[in-house]
Protein backbone atom coordinates (compact mmCIF):
# COMPACT_ATOMS: atom_id res chain seq x y z
CA MET A 1 9.36 107.62 49.64
CA LYS A 2 8.92 106.33 46.14
CA ILE A 3 8.43 102.64 47.60
CA PHE A 4 5.74 104.33 50.11
CA LEU A 5 3.89 105.99 47.14
CA TYR A 6 4.25 102.76 44.72
CA ALA A 7 2.80 100.37 47.54
CA LEU A 8 -0.15 102.95 48.25
CA PHE A 9 -0.96 102.92 44.65
CA PHE A 10 -0.76 99.30 44.09
CA SER A 11 -3.02 98.74 47.22
CA PHE A 12 -5.82 101.16 45.83
CA TYR A 13 -5.60 99.74 42.50
CA LEU A 14 -6.27 96.17 44.18
CA ILE A 15 -9.09 97.28 45.97
CA PHE A 16 -10.75 99.02 43.09
CA ALA A 17 -10.24 96.25 40.90
CA LEU A 18 -11.75 93.71 43.41
CA ASP A 19 -14.82 96.16 43.52
CA GLU A 20 -15.37 96.25 40.02
CA GLN A 21 -15.51 92.52 39.98
CA ASN A 22 -17.90 92.28 42.70
CA PRO A 23 -21.24 90.87 41.37
CA LYS A 24 -23.25 92.16 44.04
CA LYS A 25 -22.35 96.05 43.23
CA THR A 26 -25.17 96.50 40.92
CA LEU A 27 -27.77 95.62 43.74
CA ASN A 28 -27.50 99.08 45.24
CA ASP A 29 -29.30 100.51 42.34
CA GLU A 30 -32.68 101.70 43.52
CA ASN A 31 -34.23 101.17 39.88
CA PHE A 32 -33.07 97.38 39.90
CA LYS A 33 -35.63 95.28 41.37
CA TYR A 34 -35.34 91.37 40.95
CA LEU A 35 -35.91 88.07 43.05
CA GLU A 36 -33.49 85.37 43.39
CA PHE A 37 -34.52 81.80 44.16
CA SER A 38 -32.27 78.67 44.62
CA PHE A 39 -33.84 75.36 43.32
CA ARG A 40 -33.17 71.96 43.93
CA ARG A 41 -34.51 68.47 43.60
CA ASN A 42 -34.99 65.76 46.14
CA LEU A 43 -34.34 62.29 44.37
CA THR A 44 -33.25 58.94 45.33
CA ILE A 45 -32.47 56.40 42.88
CA LYS A 46 -32.49 52.76 43.91
CA ASP A 47 -29.78 50.39 42.59
CA THR A 48 -32.15 47.88 41.63
CA LEU A 49 -34.61 49.82 39.38
CA LYS A 50 -34.82 48.35 35.92
CA PRO A 51 -33.91 50.54 32.91
CA GLU A 52 -37.60 51.57 32.13
CA GLU A 53 -38.39 52.26 35.76
CA LEU A 54 -35.17 54.40 36.02
CA ILE A 55 -35.99 56.44 33.00
CA LYS A 56 -39.82 56.80 33.90
CA THR A 57 -38.47 58.13 37.15
CA LEU A 58 -36.04 60.76 35.57
CA PHE A 59 -38.51 61.76 33.04
CA TYR A 60 -40.25 63.86 36.01
CA ASN A 61 -37.63 66.79 36.46
CA GLN A 62 -39.14 67.92 39.83
CA ILE A 63 -36.93 71.05 40.57
CA TYR A 64 -38.61 73.37 43.09
CA VAL A 65 -38.07 76.57 45.08
CA ASN A 66 -39.17 77.16 48.78
CA ILE A 67 -41.17 80.12 49.52
CA LYS A 68 -42.91 81.17 53.03
CA ILE A 69 -46.65 81.78 53.16
CA GLY A 70 -49.25 82.71 55.37
CA SER A 71 -49.30 84.53 58.76
CA ASN A 72 -47.46 81.31 60.19
CA LYS A 73 -44.73 81.57 57.29
CA LYS A 74 -45.15 78.00 56.03
CA GLU A 75 -42.36 77.13 53.85
CA ILE A 76 -43.77 75.74 50.79
CA PRO A 77 -42.01 73.99 47.81
CA PHE A 78 -43.15 75.07 44.40
CA TYR A 79 -42.24 73.24 41.27
CA LEU A 80 -41.46 74.90 38.27
CA TYR A 81 -43.63 74.40 34.92
CA LEU A 82 -42.71 76.27 31.98
CA GLN A 83 -45.70 74.72 29.95
CA GLN A 84 -48.57 75.69 32.75
CA TYR A 85 -49.84 79.12 33.30
CA PRO A 86 -51.23 79.66 36.87
CA LEU A 87 -49.64 79.53 40.62
CA VAL A 88 -51.25 76.61 42.45
CA LEU A 89 -51.17 75.50 46.02
CA GLN A 90 -52.25 72.02 46.98
CA SER A 91 -54.40 72.24 50.19
CA SER A 92 -54.16 70.08 52.79
CA ASN A 93 -58.01 70.03 53.48
CA VAL A 94 -58.93 67.19 50.90
CA ALA A 95 -60.53 64.12 50.65
CA ALA A 96 -58.85 61.01 51.66
CA ASN A 97 -58.30 59.81 48.15
CA GLN A 98 -56.50 63.26 46.94
CA VAL A 99 -52.84 64.32 47.38
CA LYS A 100 -52.81 65.89 50.82
CA GLY A 101 -50.93 69.42 50.60
CA ILE A 102 -48.64 70.81 52.98
CA TYR A 103 -50.43 74.21 52.90
CA ASN A 104 -53.39 74.62 55.37
CA GLU A 105 -55.15 77.81 54.64
CA SER A 106 -57.04 77.49 57.90
CA ASP A 107 -53.61 78.07 59.81
CA SER A 108 -53.16 81.36 58.13
CA ASP A 109 -54.82 84.36 59.52
CA SER A 110 -53.88 86.40 56.33
CA TYR A 111 -55.37 83.85 53.78
CA GLU A 112 -58.37 85.10 51.98
CA GLU A 113 -60.73 83.91 49.26
CA ILE A 114 -61.19 86.16 46.38
CA GLY A 115 -63.30 84.09 44.15
CA LYS A 116 -65.67 81.06 43.91
CA LYS A 117 -65.24 77.42 43.85
CA ASP A 118 -64.53 76.96 40.20
CA SER A 119 -64.29 73.93 38.09
CA PHE A 120 -61.79 73.21 35.26
CA ILE A 121 -62.11 70.61 32.51
CA VAL A 122 -58.97 71.28 30.62
CA ASP A 123 -56.20 71.24 33.60
CA ASP A 124 -54.86 69.13 36.32
CA MET A 125 -57.26 70.47 38.98
CA SER A 126 -60.90 69.66 38.71
CA TYR A 127 -61.88 72.07 41.64
CA ALA A 128 -60.12 74.93 42.93
CA ILE A 129 -60.78 78.48 44.64
CA LEU A 130 -58.98 81.87 43.62
CA SER A 131 -57.12 83.06 46.82
CA LYS A 132 -54.81 85.08 48.01
CA ASP A 133 -52.30 85.20 51.00
CA ASN A 134 -48.98 86.85 52.23
CA PHE A 135 -45.88 85.55 50.14
CA TYR A 136 -42.45 86.29 51.81
CA PHE A 137 -39.17 87.08 49.85
CA ASN A 138 -35.85 88.25 50.28
CA ASN A 139 -35.38 86.74 53.68
CA ASP A 140 -38.73 88.05 54.77
CA ASN A 141 -37.82 91.67 53.86
CA ILE A 142 -40.53 91.69 51.21
CA GLN A 143 -44.00 90.87 52.06
CA SER A 144 -46.93 90.85 49.42
CA LEU A 145 -50.12 89.64 49.05
CA ILE A 146 -50.25 87.27 45.85
CA PRO A 147 -53.23 85.52 44.18
CA PHE A 148 -53.11 81.88 43.37
CA TYR A 149 -55.41 79.11 42.83
CA LEU A 150 -55.97 76.83 46.03
CA SER A 151 -56.45 73.27 44.60
CA VAL A 152 -59.00 71.32 46.57
CA GLU A 153 -59.71 68.42 44.24
CA ASN A 154 -57.72 66.88 41.26
CA TYR A 155 -58.16 64.63 38.37
CA GLU A 156 -57.28 61.37 38.85
CA ARG A 157 -54.51 60.99 36.21
CA THR A 158 -52.55 64.11 36.79
CA HIS A 159 -48.94 64.69 38.16
CA ILE A 160 -49.87 66.40 41.62
CA THR A 161 -47.34 67.19 44.49
CA GLU A 162 -48.02 67.93 47.99
CA GLY A 163 -46.74 71.67 47.64
CA GLY A 164 -47.54 74.04 44.99
CA LYS A 165 -47.03 74.65 41.00
CA MET A 166 -45.36 77.83 39.63
CA GLY A 167 -46.38 78.29 35.98
CA PHE A 168 -44.57 80.43 33.55
CA LYS A 169 -46.48 79.78 30.60
CA LEU A 170 -47.35 82.98 28.54
CA TYR A 171 -51.13 82.46 28.24
CA SER A 172 -53.71 80.05 29.76
CA SER A 173 -55.43 77.06 27.74
CA SER A 174 -58.02 77.08 30.36
CA ALA A 175 -60.20 79.42 31.97
CA HIS A 176 -57.66 80.47 34.51
CA SER A 177 -57.95 84.22 35.97
CA GLU A 178 -55.05 86.24 34.84
CA ASP A 179 -54.60 87.34 38.29
CA SER A 180 -53.42 83.63 38.97
CA ASN A 181 -50.01 84.31 37.03
CA PHE A 182 -47.08 84.63 39.47
CA ILE A 183 -44.70 86.87 37.46
CA ASN A 184 -47.63 89.36 36.63
CA ASN A 185 -48.27 89.72 40.16
CA LEU A 186 -44.67 90.44 41.12
CA LYS A 187 -44.55 93.04 38.36
CA LYS A 188 -48.02 94.48 39.44
CA ASN A 189 -46.76 94.95 42.92
CA ASN A 190 -43.50 96.52 41.95
CA ILE A 191 -41.27 93.61 43.25
CA ILE A 192 -39.50 93.02 40.09
CA SER A 193 -38.19 95.44 37.37
CA SER A 194 -38.99 93.38 34.34
CA TYR A 195 -40.96 90.03 33.30
CA ALA A 196 -37.79 88.09 32.23
CA PHE A 197 -36.77 85.16 34.19
CA SER A 198 -34.09 82.82 33.87
CA ILE A 199 -33.39 79.26 34.84
CA ILE A 200 -29.64 78.34 35.38
CA TYR A 201 -28.03 75.20 36.75
CA ASP A 202 -24.92 75.54 38.92
CA ASN A 203 -23.01 73.10 36.67
CA LYS A 204 -23.19 70.58 33.72
CA ASN A 205 -23.08 67.24 35.75
CA PHE A 206 -26.50 65.64 35.11
CA ASP A 207 -26.87 64.13 38.47
CA GLU A 208 -26.54 67.86 40.36
CA ASP A 209 -29.80 69.09 40.53
CA THR A 210 -29.16 72.81 42.06
CA GLY A 211 -29.32 76.11 40.55
CA LYS A 212 -30.84 79.76 40.54
CA LEU A 213 -34.10 81.06 39.38
CA TYR A 214 -33.91 84.86 38.66
CA ILE A 215 -37.13 86.95 38.09
CA GLY A 216 -37.04 90.51 37.13
CA ALA A 217 -33.73 91.14 35.39
CA PHE A 218 -31.24 89.40 33.02
CA PRO A 219 -28.36 87.43 34.49
CA HIS A 220 -25.74 89.53 32.82
CA THR A 221 -27.14 92.63 34.92
CA ILE A 222 -27.38 90.53 38.14
CA ASP A 223 -23.98 88.39 38.13
CA LYS A 224 -21.51 90.10 35.65
CA LYS A 225 -19.04 87.76 36.85
CA HIS A 226 -20.58 84.78 35.43
CA PHE A 227 -22.67 86.03 32.58
CA ILE A 228 -21.46 88.37 29.78
CA GLU A 229 -23.65 90.55 27.71
CA ASP A 230 -21.65 89.57 24.68
CA TYR A 231 -22.26 85.91 24.86
CA TYR A 232 -26.07 86.45 24.84
CA THR A 233 -28.33 85.82 21.83
CA SER A 234 -32.05 85.47 21.46
CA ASP A 235 -34.85 84.80 19.01
CA GLY A 236 -38.67 85.30 19.06
CA ALA A 237 -40.62 82.76 20.59
CA ASN A 238 -42.77 80.39 18.50
CA SER A 239 -46.32 81.37 17.40
CA VAL A 240 -48.72 78.42 17.20
CA SER A 241 -52.15 78.88 16.23
CA GLY A 242 -51.82 82.61 17.07
CA ASN A 243 -50.58 81.88 20.39
CA ILE A 244 -46.82 82.45 21.36
CA GLN A 245 -45.09 79.32 22.93
CA TRP A 246 -41.86 78.70 24.85
CA GLY A 247 -40.50 77.21 21.88
CA LEU A 248 -37.93 77.91 18.91
CA ASN A 249 -38.07 76.99 15.42
CA PHE A 250 -34.48 75.90 14.21
CA ASP A 251 -33.44 76.31 10.44
CA GLU A 252 -31.37 73.04 10.76
CA VAL A 253 -30.88 70.05 13.07
CA LYS A 254 -27.51 68.40 12.57
CA ILE A 255 -25.37 65.35 13.33
CA GLY A 256 -21.79 66.17 12.86
CA ASN A 257 -21.80 68.03 9.33
CA ASN A 258 -24.86 66.14 8.00
CA ILE A 259 -28.26 68.05 7.95
CA VAL A 260 -31.00 65.73 9.37
CA GLU A 261 -34.04 68.16 9.56
CA LYS A 262 -34.85 71.31 8.35
CA ASN A 263 -37.35 73.88 9.98
CA SER A 264 -37.58 71.83 13.15
CA ASN A 265 -39.92 73.40 15.72
CA SER A 266 -39.33 72.71 19.45
CA TYR A 267 -40.76 73.33 22.79
CA PHE A 268 -38.89 73.89 25.95
CA TYR A 269 -39.98 71.88 29.06
CA ILE A 270 -37.94 72.14 32.38
CA GLU A 271 -40.46 69.85 34.09
CA ILE A 272 -39.07 66.67 32.00
CA GLY A 273 -35.62 65.38 32.47
CA PHE A 274 -34.70 64.34 28.86
CA LEU A 275 -34.71 65.65 25.23
CA VAL A 276 -37.53 63.93 23.30
CA GLY A 277 -36.42 63.59 19.35
CA LYS A 278 -38.33 63.91 16.27
CA LYS A 279 -39.24 61.01 14.10
CA ALA A 280 -36.84 62.50 11.60
CA TYR A 281 -33.71 62.41 13.87
CA PHE A 282 -34.25 58.92 14.73
CA ASN A 283 -34.95 57.48 11.29
CA TYR A 284 -31.53 58.92 10.36
CA ILE A 285 -29.53 57.57 13.39
CA LYS A 286 -31.03 54.12 12.94
CA SER A 287 -29.90 54.02 9.57
CA LEU A 288 -26.13 54.47 10.67
CA PHE A 289 -23.77 51.61 10.58
CA SER A 290 -22.61 52.22 14.40
CA TRP A 291 -26.43 51.84 15.45
CA ASN A 292 -26.59 48.38 13.63
CA GLU A 293 -23.38 47.44 14.89
CA TYR A 294 -24.13 47.88 18.57
CA PHE A 295 -27.98 47.42 18.74
CA SER A 296 -28.32 44.31 15.94
CA MET A 297 -24.86 42.74 15.34
CA ASN A 298 -23.13 42.51 18.62
CA LYS A 299 -26.11 43.49 20.74
CA LYS A 300 -24.09 45.71 23.25
CA CYS A 301 -27.10 48.32 23.14
CA HIS A 302 -30.43 47.94 24.13
CA LYS A 303 -34.13 49.76 24.23
CA ALA A 304 -36.88 49.74 26.87
CA ASN A 305 -40.30 51.14 26.58
CA PHE A 306 -42.32 53.16 29.34
CA LYS A 307 -45.51 55.01 29.39
CA ILE A 308 -46.40 58.55 30.68
CA ASN A 309 -49.97 58.94 31.30
CA ASP A 310 -50.21 61.86 33.81
CA LEU A 311 -48.80 64.96 32.22
CA GLU A 312 -50.91 66.95 30.26
CA THR A 313 -53.58 64.50 30.28
CA ASN A 314 -56.33 66.95 30.17
CA GLU A 315 -54.89 69.48 27.92
CA ILE A 316 -56.64 70.29 24.57
CA LEU A 317 -53.41 69.10 22.78
CA PRO A 318 -51.30 66.78 25.09
CA LYS A 319 -48.00 66.47 24.07
CA LEU A 320 -46.20 64.46 26.46
CA ASN A 321 -48.68 61.86 27.42
CA ASP A 322 -47.62 58.96 25.48
CA GLU A 323 -45.41 55.83 25.22
CA TYR A 324 -41.68 56.49 24.98
CA THR A 325 -38.71 54.28 23.87
CA VAL A 326 -35.30 54.62 25.77
CA TYR A 327 -32.12 53.51 24.43
CA TYR A 328 -29.14 52.35 26.52
CA CYS A 329 -25.66 50.39 26.25
CA ASP A 330 -23.65 48.03 28.41
CA LYS A 331 -21.34 49.83 30.75
CA ASP A 332 -18.24 48.73 28.70
CA VAL A 333 -19.27 50.65 25.43
CA ASP A 334 -17.30 53.40 24.12
CA ILE A 335 -19.86 55.97 23.67
CA GLU A 336 -17.65 58.05 21.59
CA LYS A 337 -17.96 55.48 18.68
CA LEU A 338 -21.61 56.33 18.71
CA LYS A 339 -21.82 59.26 16.47
CA PHE A 340 -25.58 60.07 16.71
CA GLY A 341 -25.13 62.30 20.02
CA ASP A 342 -23.09 65.08 18.29
CA ILE A 343 -26.39 67.32 17.51
CA SER A 344 -26.50 70.82 16.67
CA PHE A 345 -29.66 72.99 16.49
CA VAL A 346 -29.24 75.95 14.34
CA ILE A 347 -30.84 79.28 13.78
CA LYS A 348 -28.94 81.12 10.84
CA SER A 349 -30.32 84.60 11.00
CA LYS A 350 -29.20 84.83 14.70
CA ASN A 351 -26.01 82.85 14.30
CA ILE A 352 -27.28 80.64 16.87
CA SER A 353 -25.97 76.92 17.06
CA CYS A 354 -26.69 75.04 20.33
CA GLU A 355 -24.20 72.33 20.12
CA PHE A 356 -24.20 68.78 22.00
CA THR A 357 -21.92 66.25 22.16
CA ASN A 358 -21.95 62.66 23.29
CA LYS A 359 -20.49 63.46 26.52
CA ASP A 360 -23.32 65.91 26.91
CA LEU A 361 -26.05 63.39 26.23
CA TRP A 362 -25.00 60.12 27.90
CA MET A 363 -25.33 59.26 31.65
CA GLU A 364 -24.10 56.15 33.47
CA LYS A 365 -26.33 54.84 36.04
CA ASN A 366 -26.95 51.36 37.60
CA GLY A 367 -24.63 49.56 35.47
CA TYR A 368 -25.53 51.16 32.08
CA LYS A 369 -25.08 53.97 29.76
CA TYR A 370 -28.27 55.88 28.85
CA PHE A 371 -29.07 58.04 25.92
CA LEU A 372 -30.63 61.23 27.22
CA VAL A 373 -32.69 61.66 23.79
CA ILE A 374 -35.68 59.60 23.91
CA GLU A 375 -38.12 58.45 21.36
CA ASN A 376 -42.04 59.45 21.40
CA GLU A 377 -43.69 56.49 19.66
CA PHE A 378 -46.70 58.49 18.31
CA PHE A 379 -46.55 62.36 18.67
CA ASN A 380 -43.03 62.87 17.26
CA ASP A 381 -43.40 65.97 14.98
CA ASN A 382 -41.31 68.25 17.44
CA TRP A 383 -38.62 68.44 19.51
CA TYR A 384 -39.19 68.72 23.40
CA LEU A 385 -36.10 70.32 25.14
CA GLY A 386 -35.65 69.18 28.58
CA LYS A 387 -33.24 69.20 31.27
CA PRO A 388 -29.99 68.45 29.19
CA PHE A 389 -30.80 71.63 27.14
CA PHE A 390 -31.05 73.72 30.22
CA LYS A 391 -27.80 71.96 31.64
CA LYS A 392 -25.91 73.13 28.61
CA TYR A 393 -27.17 76.43 28.27
CA PRO A 394 -28.34 79.00 30.82
CA MET A 395 -31.97 80.08 29.48
CA VAL A 396 -33.61 83.27 29.59
CA PHE A 397 -37.39 83.82 28.81
CA ASP A 398 -38.78 87.44 28.13
CA PRO A 399 -42.52 87.43 28.18
CA ASP A 400 -42.81 90.93 27.45
CA ASN A 401 -40.94 90.91 24.29
CA LYS A 402 -41.74 87.38 23.57
CA ILE A 403 -38.23 86.26 23.20
CA ILE A 404 -36.20 83.16 24.33
CA GLY A 405 -32.40 83.75 25.17
CA LEU A 406 -29.43 81.75 26.09
CA TYR A 407 -25.72 82.25 26.94
CA THR A 408 -23.44 80.57 24.48
CA LYS A 409 -20.72 80.61 27.14
CA SER A 410 -20.71 81.39 31.01
CA ILE A 411 -18.59 80.63 33.98
CA GLU A 412 -19.69 78.10 36.26
CA ASN A 413 -19.94 79.01 39.86
CA ASN A 414 -18.06 76.41 41.76
CA ASN A 415 -19.06 77.48 45.12
CA SER A 416 -22.94 77.06 44.59
CA ASN A 417 -22.86 73.64 45.78
CA ASN A 418 -21.93 74.40 49.25
CA GLY A 419 -24.31 77.34 49.72
CA THR A 420 -21.39 79.97 50.14
CA ASP A 421 -21.27 83.05 48.12
CA ASN A 422 -18.34 84.87 46.09
CA SER A 423 -18.43 87.77 48.53
CA THR A 424 -16.95 85.69 50.96
CA SER A 425 -13.70 85.27 49.21
CA SER A 426 -13.64 88.90 48.15
CA THR A 427 -14.09 90.12 51.80
CA LEU A 428 -11.32 87.81 52.61
CA VAL A 429 -8.97 89.52 50.04
CA TYR A 430 -10.10 92.84 51.17
CA ILE A 431 -8.95 92.04 55.13
CA ILE A 432 -5.54 90.56 53.54
CA VAL A 433 -5.07 94.05 51.66
CA ILE A 434 -6.02 96.28 54.61
CA ILE A 435 -3.56 94.22 57.11
CA GLY A 436 -0.92 94.54 54.38
CA LEU A 437 -1.48 98.15 54.09
CA VAL A 438 -1.28 98.66 57.84
CA ILE A 439 2.17 96.83 57.72
CA ILE A 440 3.49 98.90 55.21
CA VAL A 441 2.63 102.34 56.84
CA ILE A 442 3.94 100.92 60.09
CA GLY A 443 7.19 99.98 58.51
CA LEU A 444 7.52 103.34 56.57
CA ILE A 445 7.09 105.14 59.76
CA ILE A 446 9.78 103.25 61.57
CA LEU A 447 12.19 103.61 58.46
CA LEU A 448 11.49 107.41 58.51
CA LEU A 449 12.20 107.62 62.15
CA TYR A 450 15.58 105.55 61.85
CA CYS A 451 16.67 107.81 58.81
CA TYR A 452 15.94 110.82 60.97
CA MET A 453 18.06 109.70 63.85
CA LYS A 454 21.08 109.00 61.58
CA LEU A 455 21.00 112.60 59.88
CA PRO A 456 23.96 114.81 60.92
CA ARG A 457 23.05 116.87 63.75
CA LYS A 458 22.83 120.66 62.89
CA MET A 459 25.42 123.15 64.98
CA ARG A 460 24.19 125.90 67.34
CA PRO A 461 25.58 129.29 66.68
CA ASN A 462 27.89 129.47 69.72
CA GLU A 463 29.37 126.07 68.44
CA LEU A 464 30.75 127.76 65.48
CA SER A 465 34.65 127.98 65.24
CA ASP A 466 37.11 130.14 63.30
CA ASP A 467 39.34 127.62 61.35
CA ASN A 468 42.34 130.32 61.32
CA TYR A 469 42.32 131.00 65.04
CA ASP A 470 45.43 129.63 66.97
CA TYR A 471 43.99 128.92 70.67
CA SER A 472 47.75 128.40 71.90
CA ASN A 473 49.17 131.67 71.05
CA PRO A 474 47.00 134.77 71.88
CA ILE A 475 49.72 137.10 71.02
CA ASN A 476 50.23 136.21 67.69
CA ASN A 477 46.36 135.62 66.91
CA ASN A 478 46.26 139.57 68.16
């Protein structure tokens, strides 16, 4: 009986423990509303690309999420832009010299114009119409009319795709309507619980471009198995000319134990594929012996130049539209001997130290090893933190409180690449536990029946005998 009780106790404990570890448990809370998107990138790299062509291709970090729109539920890719404000859809009804979009407003019965055709001077689009249409979320279980700009004409030198743009900037640098901001509309329509959003890659491999976009809640409240609140830290976003920007001010930038910069300003750009370093940083590393040894003496390392002229071209203060230098080395170079990749970004008051090693900041492609920190030849007073930063640290942006957060530690989701969920393995364990319980119960029933059959049989009253009675001599007995 004790064995039976112990087995039941252990089984119930195991089920309870699995339930506690299930990250989907909190989804039953009615006050907990958020959206989860899977992002990815379509990119094919040719082996014949020269270094400057390769780096220019990788400069555009075009990750996107798919959303169904319109009465015909057309699936549209929306590319993520931290430093742009509105939600934009590229129309398919454009002139022949324009980028033809996937979305055709004429095919959707639910499409509606809510504004006149506006012209924009400081923007990618030169003419657009404020519109709205049905957006479908959560496997079509959520339907909502969401405003956006329908772009019908763009400036010649702008980076335009056939899908749409999802802007996350805190404010508009142009005359955009506030109704065109995606997160504001989700909150207004009670689809999400908060304004917070997160951009999280599935793993740290530079060539892997899949991950999650969470809107409406913090990762440690959504996925407690992979994100722990104790590892979350944050600081207030930068204020530039009275406007809050998605950037941080670091007290120190260090290489190893050496302080290279103090009070270093930065901007976060998920839309670019590299880190763009400041002039002070490059001045320091170019003075190192290892730099001169590999770039000047044995010439095992090289540099190449390229130009970006279609990102933020029409902004008031374009930060990315410039000439760049990329540094790369021969395949046989031991990058551990190049010490300038051990970078730390430090905020003392928050005890934040974002650390990168040479392993984090080099990639190997087409026969060369490329340094993922590139140099802006002219606008080099700030750091621009793109894909490598997001790869190393899961990032959180909270527009309501104007803060930027990150997780110093997280547990990578190894199942994310094949599209499976952790609930699959949990379900399998549940089934095994239940089958085990059934077998234990049946075994115990059989054991109890066996023991019962072996017990001595209780004698009936008429079978009782007097041990002093002699049945052979009735006279003596009397």
